[in-house]
């Protein structure tokens, strides 16, 4: 059990506005009067005011973010780190700010509706097992592509992965010392390459990643629910 370790949240915000059909990077688009990224940071601060928050942004967005924080009088203390060329590089840069053994959550900057309950469950599981990933069951039927077409597969054998993904820092550091591979689609896949098992933690369908205009429409509804809580 390692539940008394310092907790970190590495919030990776490296997106653009292309799929959102927006001139602003998606993490800076306003939702209920402030950038999406501010809502995301607030979720982790609400969960634990002492958590060490590290925000990873592309180099050309760091100054824009500082100006947004001034404009919105955003007071939650956090470190900012320059991102890498890929998500792998960005997480690795964020990980450089983590000192000693700790528990580290890696989270998408555009998932602003993660609950304190989900964050707590992920940290607790990582403290016990070393690696914990938030996931939900698919709602829709699933088909697997084959050489001749496609075939139905049982959806109860599959999970849709979300963030946060939480790890003991020593495990995550060792994982990110590996060379980057094309199949590294998230932190769990990087850690799994070392042979470390991944524990799944139940997520929430509200914990959406805002990447398209349709997501933003749903977010406008969800933010009212979260602000009412």
C-alpha atoms as a PDB file:
ATOM      1  CA  UNK A   1       0.000   0.000   0.000  1.00  0.00           C
ATOM      2  CA  UNK A   2       1.464   3.374  -1.027  1.00  0.00           C
ATOM      3  CA  UNK A   3      -1.455   5.684  -0.405  1.00  0.00           C
ATOM      4  CA  UNK A   4       0.541   8.308   1.519  1.00  0.00           C
ATOM      5  CA  UNK A   5       2.730   9.182  -1.450  1.00  0.00           C
ATOM      6  CA  UNK A   6       2.649  12.639  -3.029  1.00  0.00           C
ATOM      7  CA  UNK A   7       0.096  12.827  -5.834  1.00  0.00           C
ATOM      8  CA  UNK A   8       0.739  14.444  -9.191  1.00  0.00           C
ATOM      9  CA  UNK A   9      -1.575  15.148 -12.124  1.00  0.00           C
ATOM     10  CA  UNK A  10       0.126  15.518 -15.507  1.00  0.00           C
ATOM     11  CA  UNK A  11      -2.484  17.156 -17.707  1.00  0.00           C
ATOM     12  CA  UNK A  12      -1.560  16.803 -21.372  1.00  0.00           C
ATOM     13  CA  UNK A  13      -3.045  19.525 -23.564  1.00  0.00           C
ATOM     14  CA  UNK A  14      -1.431  19.341 -26.980  1.00  0.00           C
ATOM     15  CA  UNK A  15      -4.433  19.594 -29.254  1.00  0.00           C
ATOM     16  CA  UNK A  16      -5.295  21.904 -32.120  1.00  0.00           C
ATOM     17  CA  UNK A  17      -8.684  23.118 -33.285  1.00  0.00           C
ATOM     18  CA  UNK A  18      -8.767  21.162 -36.547  1.00  0.00           C
ATOM     19  CA  UNK A  19     -11.364  18.474 -35.761  1.00  0.00           C
ATOM     20  CA  UNK A  20     -13.267  21.022 -33.710  1.00  0.00           C
ATOM     21  CA  UNK A  21     -13.418  23.271 -36.804  1.00  0.00           C
ATOM     22  CA  UNK A  22     -12.250  26.115 -34.575  1.00  0.00           C
ATOM     23  CA  UNK A  23      -9.435  28.648 -34.810  1.00  0.00           C
ATOM     24  CA  UNK A  24      -8.464  28.120 -31.155  1.00  0.00           C
ATOM     25  CA  UNK A  25      -6.740  24.997 -29.809  1.00  0.00           C
ATOM     26  CA  UNK A  26      -9.553  22.926 -28.321  1.00  0.00           C
ATOM     27  CA  UNK A  27      -8.237  23.173 -24.739  1.00  0.00           C
ATOM     28  CA  UNK A  28      -8.604  26.980 -24.926  1.00  0.00           C
ATOM     29  CA  UNK A  29     -12.180  27.027 -26.255  1.00  0.00           C
ATOM     30  CA  UNK A  30     -14.506  28.586 -23.700  1.00  0.00           C
ATOM     31  CA  UNK A  31     -17.033  26.465 -21.879  1.00  0.00           C
ATOM     32  CA  UNK A  32     -19.346  28.242 -19.427  1.00  0.00           C
ATOM     33  CA  UNK A  33     -17.182  31.345 -19.579  1.00  0.00           C
ATOM     34  CA  UNK A  34     -13.666  29.914 -19.287  1.00  0.00           C
ATOM     35  CA  UNK A  35     -11.285  27.660 -21.236  1.00  0.00           C
ATOM     36  CA  UNK A  36     -11.944  23.913 -21.122  1.00  0.00           C
ATOM     37  CA  UNK A  37      -8.466  23.347 -19.652  1.00  0.00           C
ATOM     38  CA  UNK A  38      -9.337  25.443 -16.579  1.00  0.00           C
ATOM     39  CA  UNK A  39     -12.331  23.211 -15.866  1.00  0.00           C
ATOM     40  CA  UNK A  40     -10.055  20.152 -16.100  1.00  0.00           C
ATOM     41  CA  UNK A  41      -7.519  21.610 -13.658  1.00  0.00           C
ATOM     42  CA  UNK A  42     -10.339  22.480 -11.252  1.00  0.00           C
ATOM     43  CA  UNK A  43     -11.481  18.831 -11.141  1.00  0.00           C
ATOM     44  CA  UNK A  44      -8.128  17.704  -9.782  1.00  0.00           C
ATOM     45  CA  UNK A  45      -7.881  20.633  -7.378  1.00  0.00           C
ATOM     46  CA  UNK A  46     -11.376  19.844  -6.066  1.00  0.00           C
ATOM     47  CA  UNK A  47     -10.333  16.230  -5.535  1.00  0.00           C
ATOM     48  CA  UNK A  48      -7.160  17.225  -3.636  1.00  0.00           C
ATOM     49  CA  UNK A  49      -6.061  20.866  -3.139  1.00  0.00           C
ATOM     50  CA  UNK A  50      -2.534  19.602  -2.381  1.00  0.00           C
ATOM     51  CA  UNK A  51      -2.113  17.642  -5.607  1.00  0.00           C
ATOM     52  CA  UNK A  52       0.799  18.828  -7.757  1.00  0.00           C
ATOM     53  CA  UNK A  53      -0.618  19.821 -11.118  1.00  0.00           C
ATOM     54  CA  UNK A  54       1.603  19.845 -14.202  1.00  0.00           C
ATOM     55  CA  UNK A  55       0.143  21.184 -17.447  1.00  0.00           C
ATOM     56  CA  UNK A  56       1.953  20.183 -20.644  1.00  0.00           C
ATOM     57  CA  UNK A  57       1.404  22.507 -23.615  1.00  0.00           C
ATOM     58  CA  UNK A  58       3.024  23.052 -27.027  1.00  0.00           C
ATOM     59  CA  UNK A  59       5.761  25.694 -26.900  1.00  0.00           C
ATOM     60  CA  UNK A  60       3.765  28.186 -28.990  1.00  0.00           C
ATOM     61  CA  UNK A  61       0.801  27.931 -26.597  1.00  0.00           C
ATOM     62  CA  UNK A  62       2.594  28.565 -23.289  1.00  0.00           C
ATOM     63  CA  UNK A  63       2.385  32.361 -23.503  1.00  0.00           C
ATOM     64  CA  UNK A  64      -1.210  32.217 -24.721  1.00  0.00           C
ATOM     65  CA  UNK A  65      -2.072  30.118 -21.660  1.00  0.00           C
ATOM     66  CA  UNK A  66      -0.346  32.569 -19.307  1.00  0.00           C
ATOM     67  CA  UNK A  67      -2.381  35.411 -20.802  1.00  0.00           C
ATOM     68  CA  UNK A  68      -5.609  33.402 -20.456  1.00  0.00           C
ATOM     69  CA  UNK A  69      -4.845  32.743 -16.779  1.00  0.00           C
ATOM     70  CA  UNK A  70      -4.387  36.485 -16.207  1.00  0.00           C
ATOM     71  CA  UNK A  71      -7.515  37.329 -18.164  1.00  0.00           C
ATOM     72  CA  UNK A  72      -9.678  34.862 -16.203  1.00  0.00           C
ATOM     73  CA  UNK A  73      -7.891  35.520 -12.873  1.00  0.00           C
ATOM     74  CA  UNK A  74      -7.208  31.797 -12.649  1.00  0.00           C
ATOM     75  CA  UNK A  75      -5.618  31.239  -9.245  1.00  0.00           C
ATOM     76  CA  UNK A  76      -5.050  27.462  -8.972  1.00  0.00           C
ATOM     77  CA  UNK A  77      -1.308  26.914  -8.746  1.00  0.00           C
ATOM     78  CA  UNK A  78       0.161  24.665 -11.432  1.00  0.00           C
ATOM     79  CA  UNK A  79       3.408  24.167 -13.303  1.00  0.00           C
ATOM     80  CA  UNK A  80       3.571  24.509 -17.076  1.00  0.00           C
ATOM     81  CA  UNK A  81       5.905  22.359 -19.158  1.00  0.00           C
ATOM     82  CA  UNK A  82       6.719  22.482 -22.855  1.00  0.00           C
ATOM     83  CA  UNK A  83       5.336  19.485 -24.715  1.00  0.00           C
ATOM     84  CA  UNK A  84       7.152  17.152 -27.075  1.00  0.00           C
ATOM     85  CA  UNK A  85       6.516  16.383 -30.728  1.00  0.00           C
ATOM     86  CA  UNK A  86       4.182  13.527 -29.753  1.00  0.00           C
ATOM     87  CA  UNK A  87       2.019  12.649 -26.762  1.00  0.00           C
ATOM     88  CA  UNK A  88       4.750  10.227 -25.666  1.00  0.00           C
ATOM     89  CA  UNK A  89       7.276  13.067 -25.623  1.00  0.00           C
ATOM     90  CA  UNK A  90       4.865  15.367 -23.808  1.00  0.00           C
ATOM     91  CA  UNK A  91       4.187  12.885 -21.009  1.00  0.00           C
ATOM     92  CA  UNK A  92       7.928  12.231 -20.712  1.00  0.00           C
ATOM     93  CA  UNK A  93       8.579  15.984 -20.312  1.00  0.00           C
ATOM     94  CA  UNK A  94       5.847  16.235 -17.677  1.00  0.00           C
ATOM     95  CA  UNK A  95       7.281  13.260 -15.843  1.00  0.00           C
ATOM     96  CA  UNK A  96      10.604  15.118 -15.447  1.00  0.00           C
ATOM     97  CA  UNK A  97       8.867  17.341 -12.854  1.00  0.00           C
ATOM     98  CA  UNK A  98       7.934  14.373 -10.622  1.00  0.00           C
ATOM     99  CA  UNK A  99      10.380  13.907  -7.746  1.00  0.00           C
ATOM    100  CA  UNK A 100      11.001  10.648  -5.901  1.00  0.00           C
ATOM    101  CA  UNK A 101       8.394   7.942  -5.527  1.00  0.00           C
ATOM    102  CA  UNK A 102       4.897   9.304  -6.010  1.00  0.00           C
ATOM    103  CA  UNK A 103       1.544   8.506  -7.560  1.00  0.00           C
ATOM    104  CA  UNK A 104       1.084  10.056 -10.986  1.00  0.00           C
ATOM    105  CA  UNK A 105      -2.168  10.545 -12.885  1.00  0.00           C
ATOM    106  CA  UNK A 106      -1.923  11.337 -16.597  1.00  0.00           C
ATOM    107  CA  UNK A 107      -5.053  13.029 -17.904  1.00  0.00           C
ATOM    108  CA  UNK A 108      -6.330  14.576 -21.129  1.00  0.00           C
ATOM    109  CA  UNK A 109      -6.621  18.364 -20.943  1.00  0.00           C
ATOM    110  CA  UNK A 110      -9.961  18.201 -22.759  1.00  0.00           C
ATOM    111  CA  UNK A 111     -11.658  15.787 -20.329  1.00  0.00           C
ATOM    112  CA  UNK A 112     -13.167  18.380 -17.972  1.00  0.00           C
ATOM    113  CA  UNK A 113     -15.879  16.174 -16.471  1.00  0.00           C
ATOM    114  CA  UNK A 114     -13.860  13.629 -14.528  1.00  0.00           C
ATOM    115  CA  UNK A 115     -15.300  13.294 -11.029  1.00  0.00           C
ATOM    116  CA  UNK A 116     -13.418  13.348  -7.735  1.00  0.00           C
ATOM    117  CA  UNK A 117     -14.779   9.846  -7.076  1.00  0.00           C
ATOM    118  CA  UNK A 118     -13.205   8.528 -10.284  1.00  0.00           C
ATOM    119  CA  UNK A 119      -9.869  10.255  -9.599  1.00  0.00           C
ATOM    120  CA  UNK A 120      -9.798   8.859  -6.051  1.00  0.00           C
ATOM    121  CA  UNK A 121     -10.567   5.324  -7.243  1.00  0.00           C
ATOM    122  CA  UNK A 122      -7.787   5.475  -9.843  1.00  0.00           C
ATOM    123  CA  UNK A 123      -5.207   6.731  -7.341  1.00  0.00           C
ATOM    124  CA  UNK A 124      -6.218   4.152  -4.739  1.00  0.00           C
ATOM    125  CA  UNK A 125      -5.956   1.338  -7.253  1.00  0.00           C
ATOM    126  CA  UNK A 126      -2.565   2.541  -8.502  1.00  0.00           C
ATOM    127  CA  UNK A 127      -1.318   2.723  -4.908  1.00  0.00           C
ATOM    128  CA  UNK A 128      -2.167  -0.954  -4.466  1.00  0.00           C
ATOM    129  CA  UNK A 129      -1.371  -2.421  -7.883  1.00  0.00           C
ATOM    130  CA  UNK A 130       1.054   0.007  -9.533  1.00  0.00           C
ATOM    131  CA  UNK A 131      -1.018   0.811 -12.629  1.00  0.00           C
ATOM    132  CA  UNK A 132      -4.708   1.733 -12.906  1.00  0.00           C
ATOM    133  CA  UNK A 133      -6.677   2.882 -15.925  1.00  0.00           C
ATOM    134  CA  UNK A 134     -10.186   4.334 -16.024  1.00  0.00           C
ATOM    135  CA  UNK A 135     -12.473   2.633 -18.569  1.00  0.00           C
ATOM    136  CA  UNK A 136     -16.141   2.075 -19.410  1.00  0.00           C
ATOM    137  CA  UNK A 137     -18.040  -0.679 -21.195  1.00  0.00           C
ATOM    138  CA  UNK A 138     -19.080  -0.030 -24.825  1.00  0.00           C
ATOM    139  CA  UNK A 139     -22.734   0.851 -25.286  1.00  0.00           C
ATOM    140  CA  UNK A 140     -22.851  -0.058 -28.957  1.00  0.00           C
ATOM    141  CA  UNK A 141     -22.367  -3.363 -30.717  1.00  0.00           C
ATOM    142  CA  UNK A 142     -18.834  -3.933 -31.985  1.00  0.00           C
ATOM    143  CA  UNK A 143     -17.576  -5.403 -35.237  1.00  0.00           C
ATOM    144  CA  UNK A 144     -14.002  -6.431 -35.950  1.00  0.00           C
ATOM    145  CA  UNK A 145     -12.579  -5.717 -39.400  1.00  0.00           C
ATOM    146  CA  UNK A 146     -11.299  -8.807 -41.195  1.00  0.00           C
ATOM    147  CA  UNK A 147      -9.573  -9.432 -44.531  1.00  0.00           C
ATOM    148  CA  UNK A 148     -12.924 -10.360 -46.066  1.00  0.00           C
ATOM    149  CA  UNK A 149     -15.156  -7.801 -44.354  1.00  0.00           C
ATOM    150  CA  UNK A 150     -16.136  -7.723 -40.699  1.00  0.00           C
ATOM    151  CA  UNK A 151     -17.540  -9.914 -37.939  1.00  0.00           C
ATOM    152  CA  UNK A 152     -19.478  -9.370 -34.749  1.00  0.00           C
ATOM    153  CA  UNK A 153     -17.558  -9.657 -31.473  1.00  0.00           C
ATOM    154  CA  UNK A 154     -18.956  -9.840 -27.917  1.00  0.00           C
ATOM    155  CA  UNK A 155     -18.799  -6.341 -26.471  1.00  0.00           C
ATOM    156  CA  UNK A 156     -18.573  -7.647 -22.900  1.00  0.00           C
ATOM    157  CA  UNK A 157     -14.966  -8.562 -23.693  1.00  0.00           C
ATOM    158  CA  UNK A 158     -14.025  -4.965 -24.481  1.00  0.00           C
ATOM    159  CA  UNK A 159     -13.560  -1.694 -22.622  1.00  0.00           C
ATOM    160  CA  UNK A 160     -13.321   1.900 -23.826  1.00  0.00           C
ATOM    161  CA  UNK A 161     -10.282   3.519 -22.225  1.00  0.00           C
ATOM    162  CA  UNK A 162     -10.457   6.970 -20.651  1.00  0.00           C
ATOM    163  CA  UNK A 163      -8.172   9.025 -18.434  1.00  0.00           C
ATOM    164  CA  UNK A 164      -6.904   9.511 -15.787  1.00  0.00           C
ATOM    165  CA  UNK A 165      -4.417   6.682 -16.028  1.00  0.00           C
ATOM    166  CA  UNK A 166      -2.580   6.418 -12.705  1.00  0.00           C
ATOM    167  CA  UNK A 167       0.765   4.821 -11.895  1.00  0.00           C
ATOM    168  CA  UNK A 168       3.438   4.558  -9.274  1.00  0.00           C
ATOM    169  CA  UNK A 169       6.106   6.986 -10.485  1.00  0.00           C
ATOM    170  CA  UNK A 170       8.907   4.408 -10.608  1.00  0.00           C
ATOM    171  CA  UNK A 171       6.846   2.241 -12.971  1.00  0.00           C
ATOM    172  CA  UNK A 172       5.939   5.161 -15.233  1.00  0.00           C
ATOM    173  CA  UNK A 173       9.543   6.420 -15.366  1.00  0.00           C
ATOM    174  CA  UNK A 174      10.838   2.997 -16.359  1.00  0.00           C
ATOM    175  CA  UNK A 175       8.174   2.755 -19.055  1.00  0.00           C
ATOM    176  CA  UNK A 176       9.060   6.132 -20.563  1.00  0.00           C
ATOM    177  CA  UNK A 177      12.736   5.236 -20.767  1.00  0.00           C
ATOM    178  CA  UNK A 178      11.765   2.894 -23.627  1.00  0.00           C
ATOM    179  CA  UNK A 179      12.019   4.064 -27.233  1.00  0.00           C
ATOM    180  CA  UNK A 180       8.685   5.317 -28.558  1.00  0.00           C
ATOM    181  CA  UNK A 181       6.711   2.713 -30.530  1.00  0.00           C
ATOM    182  CA  UNK A 182       3.820   3.195 -33.016  1.00  0.00           C
ATOM    183  CA  UNK A 183       1.491   1.058 -30.873  1.00  0.00           C
ATOM    184  CA  UNK A 184       1.905   3.345 -27.841  1.00  0.00           C
ATOM    185  CA  UNK A 185      -1.543   4.939 -27.989  1.00  0.00           C
ATOM    186  CA  UNK A 186      -1.786   5.816 -24.282  1.00  0.00           C
ATOM    187  CA  UNK A 187       0.205   5.487 -21.062  1.00  0.00           C
ATOM    188  CA  UNK A 188      -1.191   2.037 -20.303  1.00  0.00           C
ATOM    189  CA  UNK A 189       0.205   0.670 -23.571  1.00  0.00           C
ATOM    190  CA  UNK A 190       3.631   2.118 -22.718  1.00  0.00           C
ATOM    191  CA  UNK A 191       3.610   0.597 -19.220  1.00  0.00           C
ATOM    192  CA  UNK A 192       2.225  -2.709 -20.472  1.00  0.00           C
ATOM    193  CA  UNK A 193       5.225  -3.075 -22.795  1.00  0.00           C
ATOM    194  CA  UNK A 194       7.352  -3.660 -19.665  1.00  0.00           C
ATOM    195  CA  UNK A 195       5.125  -6.560 -18.663  1.00  0.00           C
ATOM    196  CA  UNK A 196       3.305  -4.617 -15.949  1.00  0.00           C
ATOM    197  CA  UNK A 197      -0.347  -5.577 -15.481  1.00  0.00           C
ATOM    198  CA  UNK A 198      -3.034  -2.923 -15.795  1.00  0.00           C
ATOM    199  CA  UNK A 199      -5.943  -2.704 -13.337  1.00  0.00           C
ATOM    200  CA  UNK A 200      -9.173  -1.303 -14.764  1.00  0.00           C
ATOM    201  CA  UNK A 201     -11.184   1.216 -12.750  1.00  0.00           C
ATOM    202  CA  UNK A 202     -14.827   1.974 -13.583  1.00  0.00           C
ATOM    203  CA  UNK A 203     -15.166   5.327 -15.317  1.00  0.00           C
ATOM    204  CA  UNK A 204     -18.160   7.408 -16.322  1.00  0.00           C
ATOM    205  CA  UNK A 205     -19.896   8.090 -19.623  1.00  0.00           C
ATOM    206  CA  UNK A 206     -19.859  11.770 -18.627  1.00  0.00           C
ATOM    207  CA  UNK A 207     -16.045  11.739 -18.681  1.00  0.00           C
ATOM    208  CA  UNK A 208     -15.972  12.682 -22.362  1.00  0.00           C
ATOM    209  CA  UNK A 209     -12.999  13.879 -24.387  1.00  0.00           C
ATOM    210  CA  UNK A 210     -14.001  17.063 -26.206  1.00  0.00           C
ATOM    211  CA  UNK A 211     -12.636  16.782 -29.740  1.00  0.00           C
ATOM    212  CA  UNK A 212     -15.523  17.547 -32.119  1.00  0.00           C
ATOM    213  CA  UNK A 213     -18.310  20.143 -32.373  1.00  0.00           C
ATOM    214  CA  UNK A 214     -20.792  17.463 -31.248  1.00  0.00           C
ATOM    215  CA  UNK A 215     -18.710  16.862 -28.107  1.00  0.00           C
ATOM    216  CA  UNK A 216     -18.805  20.582 -27.365  1.00  0.00           C
ATOM    217  CA  UNK A 217     -22.599  20.602 -27.624  1.00  0.00           C
ATOM    218  CA  UNK A 218     -22.793  17.763 -25.097  1.00  0.00           C
ATOM    219  CA  UNK A 219     -20.273  19.545 -22.874  1.00  0.00           C
ATOM    220  CA  UNK A 220     -22.548  22.592 -22.676  1.00  0.00           C
ATOM    221  CA  UNK A 221     -25.181  20.343 -21.096  1.00  0.00           C
ATOM    222  CA  UNK A 222     -22.770  18.492 -18.806  1.00  0.00           C
ATOM    223  CA  UNK A 223     -21.124  21.635 -17.448  1.00  0.00           C
ATOM    224  CA  UNK A 224     -24.454  22.839 -16.068  1.00  0.00           C
ATOM    225  CA  UNK A 225     -24.859  19.554 -14.206  1.00  0.00           C
ATOM    226  CA  UNK A 226     -21.322  19.699 -12.787  1.00  0.00           C
ATOM    227  CA  UNK A 227     -21.652  23.345 -11.754  1.00  0.00           C
ATOM    228  CA  UNK A 228     -24.884  22.523  -9.946  1.00  0.00           C
ATOM    229  CA  UNK A 229     -23.207  19.845  -7.809  1.00  0.00           C
END
